[in-house]
PDB file of N, CA and C in Angstrom:
ATOM      1  N   MET A   1      -6.341   1.018 -29.767  1.00  0.00           N
ATOM      2  CA  MET A   1      -5.226   1.403 -28.923  1.00  0.00           C
ATOM      3  C   MET A   1      -5.667   1.558 -27.463  1.00  0.00           C
ATOM      4  N   PHE A   2      -6.875   2.102 -27.266  1.00  0.00           N
ATOM      5  CA  PHE A   2      -7.397   2.284 -25.921  1.00  0.00           C
ATOM      6  C   PHE A   2      -7.546   0.946 -25.214  1.00  0.00           C
ATOM      7  N   TYR A   3      -8.103  -0.046 -25.907  1.00  0.00           N
ATOM      8  CA  TYR A   3      -8.307  -1.360 -25.306  1.00  0.00           C
ATOM      9  C   TYR A   3      -6.986  -2.047 -24.989  1.00  0.00           C
ATOM     10  N   LEU A   4      -5.981  -1.793 -25.775  1.00  0.00           N
ATOM     11  CA  LEU A   4      -4.653  -2.350 -25.492  1.00  0.00           C
ATOM     12  C   LEU A   4      -4.073  -1.740 -24.213  1.00  0.00           C
ATOM     13  N   ALA A   5      -4.280  -0.451 -24.024  1.00  0.00           N
ATOM     14  CA  ALA A   5      -3.798   0.205 -22.810  1.00  0.00           C
ATOM     15  C   ALA A   5      -4.538  -0.315 -21.582  1.00  0.00           C
ATOM     16  N   ILE A   6      -5.846  -0.490 -21.693  1.00  0.00           N
ATOM     17  CA  ILE A   6      -6.632  -1.012 -20.572  1.00  0.00           C
ATOM     18  C   ILE A   6      -6.250  -2.459 -20.283  1.00  0.00           C
ATOM     19  N   ALA A   7      -6.050  -3.250 -21.327  1.00  0.00           N
ATOM     20  CA  ALA A   7      -5.665  -4.656 -21.141  1.00  0.00           C
ATOM     21  C   ALA A   7      -4.308  -4.770 -20.456  1.00  0.00           C
ATOM     22  N   SER A   8      -3.391  -3.866 -20.763  1.00  0.00           N
ATOM     23  CA  SER A   8      -2.081  -3.930 -20.117  1.00  0.00           C
ATOM     24  C   SER A   8      -2.159  -3.610 -18.633  1.00  0.00           C
ATOM     25  N   LEU A   9      -3.186  -2.898 -18.210  1.00  0.00           N
ATOM     26  CA  LEU A   9      -3.376  -2.619 -16.789  1.00  0.00           C
ATOM     27  C   LEU A   9      -4.096  -3.751 -16.071  1.00  0.00           C
ATOM     28  N   VAL A  10      -4.974  -4.463 -16.771  1.00  0.00           N
ATOM     29  CA  VAL A  10      -5.814  -5.471 -16.149  1.00  0.00           C
ATOM     30  C   VAL A  10      -5.176  -6.852 -16.158  1.00  0.00           C
ATOM     31  N   MET A  11      -4.496  -7.194 -17.225  1.00  0.00           N
ATOM     32  CA  MET A  11      -4.010  -8.564 -17.409  1.00  0.00           C
ATOM     33  C   MET A  11      -3.015  -9.033 -16.337  1.00  0.00           C
ATOM     34  N   PRO A  12      -2.075  -8.235 -15.876  1.00  0.00           N
ATOM     35  CA  PRO A  12      -1.166  -8.749 -14.833  1.00  0.00           C
ATOM     36  C   PRO A  12      -1.892  -9.202 -13.569  1.00  0.00           C
ATOM     37  N   GLY A  13      -2.891  -8.455 -13.147  1.00  0.00           N
ATOM     38  CA  GLY A  13      -3.658  -8.865 -11.978  1.00  0.00           C
ATOM     39  C   GLY A  13      -4.414 -10.161 -12.212  1.00  0.00           C
ATOM     40  N   LEU A  14      -4.959 -10.324 -13.406  1.00  0.00           N
ATOM     41  CA  LEU A  14      -5.666 -11.563 -13.722  1.00  0.00           C
ATOM     42  C   LEU A  14      -4.708 -12.753 -13.734  1.00  0.00           C
ATOM     43  N   PHE A  15      -3.544 -12.574 -14.317  1.00  0.00           N
ATOM     44  CA  PHE A  15      -2.573 -13.671 -14.361  1.00  0.00           C
ATOM     45  C   PHE A  15      -2.069 -14.040 -12.972  1.00  0.00           C
ATOM     46  N   VAL A  16      -1.861 -13.057 -12.129  1.00  0.00           N
ATOM     47  CA  VAL A  16      -1.434 -13.341 -10.755  1.00  0.00           C
ATOM     48  C   VAL A  16      -2.535 -14.086 -10.010  1.00  0.00           C
ATOM     49  N   GLY A  17      -3.782 -13.673 -10.201  1.00  0.00           N
ATOM     50  CA  GLY A  17      -4.898 -14.367  -9.574  1.00  0.00           C
ATOM     51  C   GLY A  17      -5.015 -15.808 -10.031  1.00  0.00           C
ATOM     52  N   LEU A  18      -4.839 -16.043 -11.320  1.00  0.00           N
ATOM     53  CA  LEU A  18      -4.867 -17.417 -11.831  1.00  0.00           C
ATOM     54  C   LEU A  18      -3.695 -18.231 -11.288  1.00  0.00           C
ATOM     55  N   GLY A  19      -2.540 -17.610 -11.184  1.00  0.00           N
ATOM     56  CA  GLY A  19      -1.381 -18.310 -10.632  1.00  0.00           C
ATOM     57  C   GLY A  19      -1.561 -18.672  -9.171  1.00  0.00           C
ATOM     58  N   ILE A  20      -2.118 -17.766  -8.403  1.00  0.00           N
ATOM     59  CA  ILE A  20      -2.379 -18.057  -6.990  1.00  0.00           C
ATOM     60  C   ILE A  20      -3.408 -19.173  -6.860  1.00  0.00           C
ATOM     61  N   SER A  21      -4.435 -19.133  -7.707  1.00  0.00           N
ATOM     62  CA  SER A  21      -5.440 -20.197  -7.692  1.00  0.00           C
ATOM     63  C   SER A  21      -4.815 -21.539  -8.057  1.00  0.00           C
ATOM     64  N   LEU A  22      -3.918 -21.543  -9.022  1.00  0.00           N
ATOM     65  CA  LEU A  22      -3.241 -22.788  -9.423  1.00  0.00           C
ATOM     66  C   LEU A  22      -2.366 -23.326  -8.295  1.00  0.00           C
ATOM     67  N   ILE A  23      -1.658 -22.456  -7.606  1.00  0.00           N
ATOM     68  CA  ILE A  23      -0.822 -22.888  -6.479  1.00  0.00           C
ATOM     69  C   ILE A  23      -1.683 -23.458  -5.357  1.00  0.00           C
ATOM     70  N   PHE A  24      -2.805 -22.814  -5.073  1.00  0.00           N
ATOM     71  CA  PHE A  24      -3.718 -23.348  -4.055  1.00  0.00           C
ATOM     72  C   PHE A  24      -4.220 -24.733  -4.442  1.00  0.00           C
ATOM     73  N   GLN A  25      -4.541 -24.932  -5.709  1.00  0.00           N
ATOM     74  CA  GLN A  25      -5.011 -26.242  -6.167  1.00  0.00           C
ATOM     75  C   GLN A  25      -3.911 -27.284  -6.072  1.00  0.00           C
ATOM     76  N   LEU A  26      -2.670 -26.904  -6.395  1.00  0.00           N
ATOM     77  CA  LEU A  26      -1.550 -27.852  -6.289  1.00  0.00           C
ATOM     78  C   LEU A  26      -1.280 -28.245  -4.838  1.00  0.00           C
ATOM     79  N   LEU A  27      -1.533 -27.340  -3.911  1.00  0.00           N
ATOM     80  CA  LEU A  27      -1.358 -27.637  -2.489  1.00  0.00           C
ATOM     81  C   LEU A  27      -2.538 -28.412  -1.917  1.00  0.00           C
ATOM     82  N   GLY A  28      -3.608 -28.521  -2.684  1.00  0.00           N
ATOM     83  CA  GLY A  28      -4.770 -29.264  -2.238  1.00  0.00           C
ATOM     84  C   GLY A  28      -5.738 -28.463  -1.390  1.00  0.00           C
ATOM     85  N   TRP A  29      -5.615 -27.146  -1.393  1.00  0.00           N
ATOM     86  CA  TRP A  29      -6.501 -26.301  -0.617  1.00  0.00           C
ATOM     87  C   TRP A  29      -7.746 -25.986  -1.431  1.00  0.00           C
ATOM     88  N   GLN A  30      -8.890 -25.989  -0.763  1.00  0.00           N
ATOM     89  CA  GLN A  30     -10.130 -25.578  -1.426  1.00  0.00           C
ATOM     90  C   GLN A  30     -10.123 -24.057  -1.548  1.00  0.00           C
ATOM     91  N   THR A  31     -10.337 -23.575  -2.742  1.00  0.00           N
ATOM     92  CA  THR A  31     -10.276 -22.124  -2.946  1.00  0.00           C
ATOM     93  C   THR A  31     -11.582 -21.618  -3.524  1.00  0.00           C
ATOM     94  N   ASP A  32     -11.748 -20.354  -3.367  1.00  0.00           N
ATOM     95  CA  ASP A  32     -12.850 -19.626  -3.961  1.00  0.00           C
ATOM     96  C   ASP A  32     -12.234 -18.491  -4.768  1.00  0.00           C
ATOM     97  N   TRP A  33     -12.995 -17.849  -5.602  1.00  0.00           N
ATOM     98  CA  TRP A  33     -12.439 -16.763  -6.395  1.00  0.00           C
ATOM     99  C   TRP A  33     -12.028 -15.590  -5.522  1.00  0.00           C
ATOM    100  N   ARG A  34     -12.608 -15.498  -4.311  1.00  0.00           N
ATOM    101  CA  ARG A  34     -12.255 -14.380  -3.431  1.00  0.00           C
ATOM    102  C   ARG A  34     -10.826 -14.505  -2.900  1.00  0.00           C
ATOM    103  N   GLU A  35     -10.417 -15.725  -2.512  1.00  0.00           N
ATOM    104  CA  GLU A  35      -9.059 -15.888  -1.970  1.00  0.00           C
ATOM    105  C   GLU A  35      -7.998 -15.549  -3.015  1.00  0.00           C
ATOM    106  N   SER A  36      -8.152 -16.071  -4.219  1.00  0.00           N
ATOM    107  CA  SER A  36      -7.151 -15.773  -5.241  1.00  0.00           C
ATOM    108  C   SER A  36      -7.247 -14.317  -5.680  1.00  0.00           C
ATOM    109  N   GLY A  37      -8.457 -13.745  -5.670  1.00  0.00           N
ATOM    110  CA  GLY A  37      -8.606 -12.342  -6.039  1.00  0.00           C
ATOM    111  C   GLY A  37      -7.977 -11.408  -5.021  1.00  0.00           C
ATOM    112  N   ILE A  38      -8.163 -11.716  -3.736  1.00  0.00           N
ATOM    113  CA  ILE A  38      -7.552 -10.891  -2.692  1.00  0.00           C
ATOM    114  C   ILE A  38      -6.032 -11.013  -2.742  1.00  0.00           C
ATOM    115  N   GLY A  39      -5.537 -12.228  -2.958  1.00  0.00           N
ATOM    116  CA  GLY A  39      -4.079 -12.411  -3.081  1.00  0.00           C
ATOM    117  C   GLY A  39      -3.507 -11.658  -4.261  1.00  0.00           C
ATOM    118  N   ALA A  40      -4.210 -11.708  -5.385  1.00  0.00           N
ATOM    119  CA  ALA A  40      -3.739 -10.978  -6.565  1.00  0.00           C
ATOM    120  C   ALA A  40      -3.808  -9.477  -6.338  1.00  0.00           C
ATOM    121  N   GLN A  41      -4.871  -9.015  -5.712  1.00  0.00           N
ATOM    122  CA  GLN A  41      -5.016  -7.577  -5.457  1.00  0.00           C
ATOM    123  C   GLN A  41      -3.916  -7.081  -4.528  1.00  0.00           C
ATOM    124  N   LEU A  42      -3.640  -7.816  -3.455  1.00  0.00           N
ATOM    125  CA  LEU A  42      -2.587  -7.392  -2.532  1.00  0.00           C
ATOM    126  C   LEU A  42      -1.213  -7.463  -3.173  1.00  0.00           C
ATOM    127  N   THR A  43      -0.978  -8.512  -3.961  1.00  0.00           N
ATOM    128  CA  THR A  43       0.315  -8.643  -4.634  1.00  0.00           C
ATOM    129  C   THR A  43       0.543  -7.490  -5.594  1.00  0.00           C
ATOM    130  N   TRP A  44      -0.509  -7.045  -6.233  1.00  0.00           N
ATOM    131  CA  TRP A  44      -0.375  -6.019  -7.260  1.00  0.00           C
ATOM    132  C   TRP A  44      -0.399  -4.607  -6.682  1.00  0.00           C
ATOM    133  N   THR A  45      -1.137  -4.367  -5.596  1.00  0.00           N
ATOM    134  CA  THR A  45      -1.309  -2.997  -5.104  1.00  0.00           C
ATOM    135  C   THR A  45      -0.485  -2.663  -3.869  1.00  0.00           C
ATOM    136  N   LEU A  46      -0.071  -3.642  -3.100  1.00  0.00           N
ATOM    137  CA  LEU A  46       0.661  -3.370  -1.869  1.00  0.00           C
ATOM    138  C   LEU A  46       1.974  -2.611  -2.101  1.00  0.00           C
ATOM    139  N   PRO A  47       2.775  -2.958  -3.118  1.00  0.00           N
ATOM    140  CA  PRO A  47       3.998  -2.161  -3.329  1.00  0.00           C
ATOM    141  C   PRO A  47       3.724  -0.690  -3.641  1.00  0.00           C
ATOM    142  N   PHE A  48       2.674  -0.411  -4.418  1.00  0.00           N
ATOM    143  CA  PHE A  48       2.355   0.982  -4.725  1.00  0.00           C
ATOM    144  C   PHE A  48       1.890   1.721  -3.477  1.00  0.00           C
ATOM    145  N   GLY A  49       1.079   1.068  -2.669  1.00  0.00           N
ATOM    146  CA  GLY A  49       0.639   1.680  -1.419  1.00  0.00           C
ATOM    147  C   GLY A  49       1.797   1.954  -0.480  1.00  0.00           C
ATOM    148  N   LEU A  50       2.742   1.034  -0.451  1.00  0.00           N
ATOM    149  CA  LEU A  50       3.917   1.218   0.396  1.00  0.00           C
ATOM    150  C   LEU A  50       4.755   2.401  -0.072  1.00  0.00           C
ATOM    151  N   LEU A  51       4.910   2.564  -1.378  1.00  0.00           N
ATOM    152  CA  LEU A  51       5.657   3.707  -1.903  1.00  0.00           C
ATOM    153  C   LEU A  51       4.965   5.028  -1.563  1.00  0.00           C
ATOM    154  N   VAL A  52       3.648   5.055  -1.639  1.00  0.00           N
ATOM    155  CA  VAL A  52       2.912   6.267  -1.280  1.00  0.00           C
ATOM    156  C   VAL A  52       3.081   6.567   0.199  1.00  0.00           C
ATOM    157  N   MET A  53       3.020   5.528   1.041  1.00  0.00           N
ATOM    158  CA  MET A  53       3.204   5.732   2.479  1.00  0.00           C
ATOM    159  C   MET A  53       4.604   6.270   2.784  1.00  0.00           C
ATOM    160  N   PHE A  54       5.625   5.760   2.094  1.00  0.00           N
ATOM    161  CA  PHE A  54       6.980   6.274   2.294  1.00  0.00           C
ATOM    162  C   PHE A  54       7.067   7.738   1.900  1.00  0.00           C
ATOM    163  N   ALA A  55       6.430   8.119   0.800  1.00  0.00           N
ATOM    164  CA  ALA A  55       6.478   9.513   0.348  1.00  0.00           C
ATOM    165  C   ALA A  55       5.779  10.425   1.346  1.00  0.00           C
ATOM    166  N   VAL A  56       4.649   9.994   1.876  1.00  0.00           N
ATOM    167  CA  VAL A  56       3.929  10.813   2.855  1.00  0.00           C
ATOM    168  C   VAL A  56       4.721  10.912   4.150  1.00  0.00           C
ATOM    169  N   HIS A  57       5.282   9.800   4.588  1.00  0.00           N
ATOM    170  CA  HIS A  57       6.047   9.803   5.832  1.00  0.00           C
ATOM    171  C   HIS A  57       7.288  10.674   5.713  1.00  0.00           C
ATOM    172  N   ARG A  58       7.890  10.719   4.540  1.00  0.00           N
ATOM    173  CA  ARG A  58       9.094  11.517   4.354  1.00  0.00           C
ATOM    174  C   ARG A  58       8.800  13.017   4.446  1.00  0.00           C
ATOM    175  N   SER A  59       7.566  13.414   4.173  1.00  0.00           N
ATOM    176  CA  SER A  59       7.240  14.839   4.213  1.00  0.00           C
ATOM    177  C   SER A  59       7.056  15.353   5.639  1.00  0.00           C
ATOM    178  N   PHE A  60       6.936  14.469   6.626  1.00  0.00           N
ATOM    179  CA  PHE A  60       6.795  14.902   8.007  1.00  0.00           C
ATOM    180  C   PHE A  60       8.131  15.423   8.531  1.00  0.00           C
ATOM    181  N   ARG A  61       8.055  16.284   9.507  1.00  0.00           N
ATOM    182  CA  ARG A  61       9.286  16.758  10.153  1.00  0.00           C
ATOM    183  C   ARG A  61       9.893  15.613  10.939  1.00  0.00           C
ATOM    184  N   THR A  62      11.203  15.527  10.914  1.00  0.00           N
ATOM    185  CA  THR A  62      11.859  14.392  11.556  1.00  0.00           C
ATOM    186  C   THR A  62      12.248  14.667  12.997  1.00  0.00           C
ATOM    187  N   VAL A  63      12.331  15.935  13.394  1.00  0.00           N
ATOM    188  CA  VAL A  63      12.756  16.255  14.745  1.00  0.00           C
ATOM    189  C   VAL A  63      11.509  16.452  15.613  1.00  0.00           C
ATOM    190  N   PRO A  64      11.303  15.604  16.615  1.00  0.00           N
ATOM    191  CA  PRO A  64      10.077  15.712  17.424  1.00  0.00           C
ATOM    192  C   PRO A  64       9.980  17.025  18.192  1.00  0.00           C
ATOM    193  N   GLU A  65      11.116  17.600  18.567  1.00  0.00           N
ATOM    194  CA  GLU A  65      11.077  18.834  19.332  1.00  0.00           C
ATOM    195  C   GLU A  65      10.488  19.975  18.510  1.00  0.00           C
ATOM    196  N   GLU A  66      10.759  20.002  17.230  1.00  0.00           N
ATOM    197  CA  GLU A  66      10.211  21.060  16.386  1.00  0.00           C
ATOM    198  C   GLU A  66       8.693  20.980  16.348  1.00  0.00           C
ATOM    199  N   ARG A  67       8.160  19.787  16.264  1.00  0.00           N
ATOM    200  CA  ARG A  67       6.706  19.630  16.235  1.00  0.00           C
ATOM    201  C   ARG A  67       6.092  20.035  17.562  1.00  0.00           C
ATOM    202  N   SER A  68       6.677  19.598  18.659  1.00  0.00           N
ATOM    203  CA  SER A  68       6.060  19.859  19.957  1.00  0.00           C
ATOM    204  C   SER A  68       6.143  21.342  20.327  1.00  0.00           C
ATOM    205  N   ILE A  69       7.202  22.023  19.972  1.00  0.00           N
ATOM    206  CA  ILE A  69       7.327  23.445  20.302  1.00  0.00           C
ATOM    207  C   ILE A  69       6.350  24.263  19.468  1.00  0.00           C
ATOM    208  N   SER A  70       6.175  23.908  18.203  1.00  0.00           N
ATOM    209  CA  SER A  70       5.289  24.706  17.352  1.00  0.00           C
ATOM    210  C   SER A  70       3.823  24.501  17.714  1.00  0.00           C
ATOM    211  N   VAL A  71       3.473  23.424  18.392  1.00  0.00           N
ATOM    212  CA  VAL A  71       2.087  23.151  18.743  1.00  0.00           C
ATOM    213  C   VAL A  71       1.726  23.745  20.098  1.00  0.00           C
ATOM    214  N   GLN A  72       2.697  23.940  20.970  1.00  0.00           N
ATOM    215  CA  GLN A  72       2.421  24.418  22.320  1.00  0.00           C
ATOM    216  C   GLN A  72       1.965  25.872  22.312  1.00  0.00           C
ATOM    217  N   PRO A  73       1.145  26.240  23.290  1.00  0.00           N
ATOM    218  CA  PRO A  73       0.782  27.660  23.449  1.00  0.00           C
ATOM    219  C   PRO A  73       2.020  28.500  23.777  1.00  0.00           C
ATOM    220  N   ARG A  74       1.897  29.802  23.597  1.00  0.00           N
ATOM    221  CA  ARG A  74       3.048  30.694  23.754  1.00  0.00           C
ATOM    222  C   ARG A  74       3.622  30.656  25.159  1.00  0.00           C
ATOM    223  N   TRP A  75       2.778  30.618  26.189  1.00  0.00           N
ATOM    224  CA  TRP A  75       3.296  30.658  27.562  1.00  0.00           C
ATOM    225  C   TRP A  75       4.062  29.364  27.864  1.00  0.00           C
ATOM    226  N   GLN A  76       3.680  28.223  27.280  1.00  0.00           N
ATOM    227  CA  GLN A  76       4.444  27.003  27.508  1.00  0.00           C
ATOM    228  C   GLN A  76       5.768  27.040  26.758  1.00  0.00           C
ATOM    229  N   ARG A  77       5.787  27.682  25.580  1.00  0.00           N
ATOM    230  CA  ARG A  77       7.054  27.813  24.854  1.00  0.00           C
ATOM    231  C   ARG A  77       8.041  28.681  25.623  1.00  0.00           C
ATOM    232  N   GLN A  78       7.539  29.719  26.301  1.00  0.00           N
ATOM    233  CA  GLN A  78       8.426  30.576  27.080  1.00  0.00           C
ATOM    234  C   GLN A  78       8.995  29.836  28.265  1.00  0.00           C
ATOM    235  N   LEU A  79       8.210  28.958  28.875  1.00  0.00           N
ATOM    236  CA  LEU A  79       8.703  28.161  29.982  1.00  0.00           C
ATOM    237  C   LEU A  79       9.751  27.143  29.512  1.00  0.00           C
ATOM    238  N   ALA A  80       9.597  26.640  28.300  1.00  0.00           N
ATOM    239  CA  ALA A  80      10.529  25.632  27.790  1.00  0.00           C
ATOM    240  C   ALA A  80      11.870  26.248  27.451  1.00  0.00           C
ATOM    241  N   GLU A  81      11.887  27.536  27.131  1.00  0.00           N
ATOM    242  CA  GLU A  81      13.152  28.179  26.753  1.00  0.00           C
ATOM    243  C   GLU A  81      13.897  28.588  27.950  1.00  0.00           C
TER     244      GLU A  81
END
């Protein structure tokens, strides 16, 4: 059961890499395992990285004035008010 779980995580990336390599060969481009591996890695991991970036960005405060007032020293905050 463990090997089946690991295979389900690994096999999609391998198939994407083989598909990218096949497309490169059909286009007549000389390829190496690095080009198809990088393409497969980016295809497989970029959406997850983008979702994480959206989640982190959403946690930031959206109003710039709130950030700038809370960072300023007290005497500058008094001048701003």
